[in-house]
Amino acid sequence: MKKLKDKIVWSDILSFIFGFFGIMFGSLSAISLEPFWNPNEKVRDTHSFIFTLLSIFFDSLSVLSAFVAYRSGTKLYSLQKTTMQNKNSFRYQYERWAFRFDLLSFIFGIGGLIFGVVSLITLFPLTFNEYVSWWGTITSVCFDTISCFLVVCALCFFRQSMKVTN
């Protein structure tokens, strides 16, 4: 049980860290498309492509970590369901909210990942569209930011559930 709780906490922490890096690289990708980044358009597109790849990589790790936290939480819930007498206890309520936030974080992370992939696809020479790539990246960053916020909420609720004794 203790190992499962530690796994949930570390999965949430890793999801936040990877999500934060995804947000940073996504922001750099959007900024690198702007003319002040470099006067050469080819250089801007190449930099944006690299930052978008890095953003997708870290977003994938963040989504995977959020999913691990959610799956571990549901496993913990099913193990504790038989021993949990009072469904109205604060501990039970905090854990339920933590698992809901983990699920929402996973869903928003998937949304951010999808928009990141759209941004990447629109940077290929055959489908090049700087406008769509910029908006895809900005939308991806917004989804990733919400996902990171939800992971922090899940972590706070889960840590609170571990402190409550009833």
Foldseek 3Di string as FASTA:
>chain_A
DVVLLVLLLVLLVLLLVLLVLLLVLLVVLLVLCDCVNDVDNVVSLVSSLVSLVSSLVSLVSSLVSLVSNLVSLVVVCVVCVVVDPDCPDLLNVLSVLLNVLSVLLNVLSVVLNVLSVQLNVCSDPVNPDSVSNSVSSVSSSVSSVSSSVSSVSSSVSSVVSVVDDD
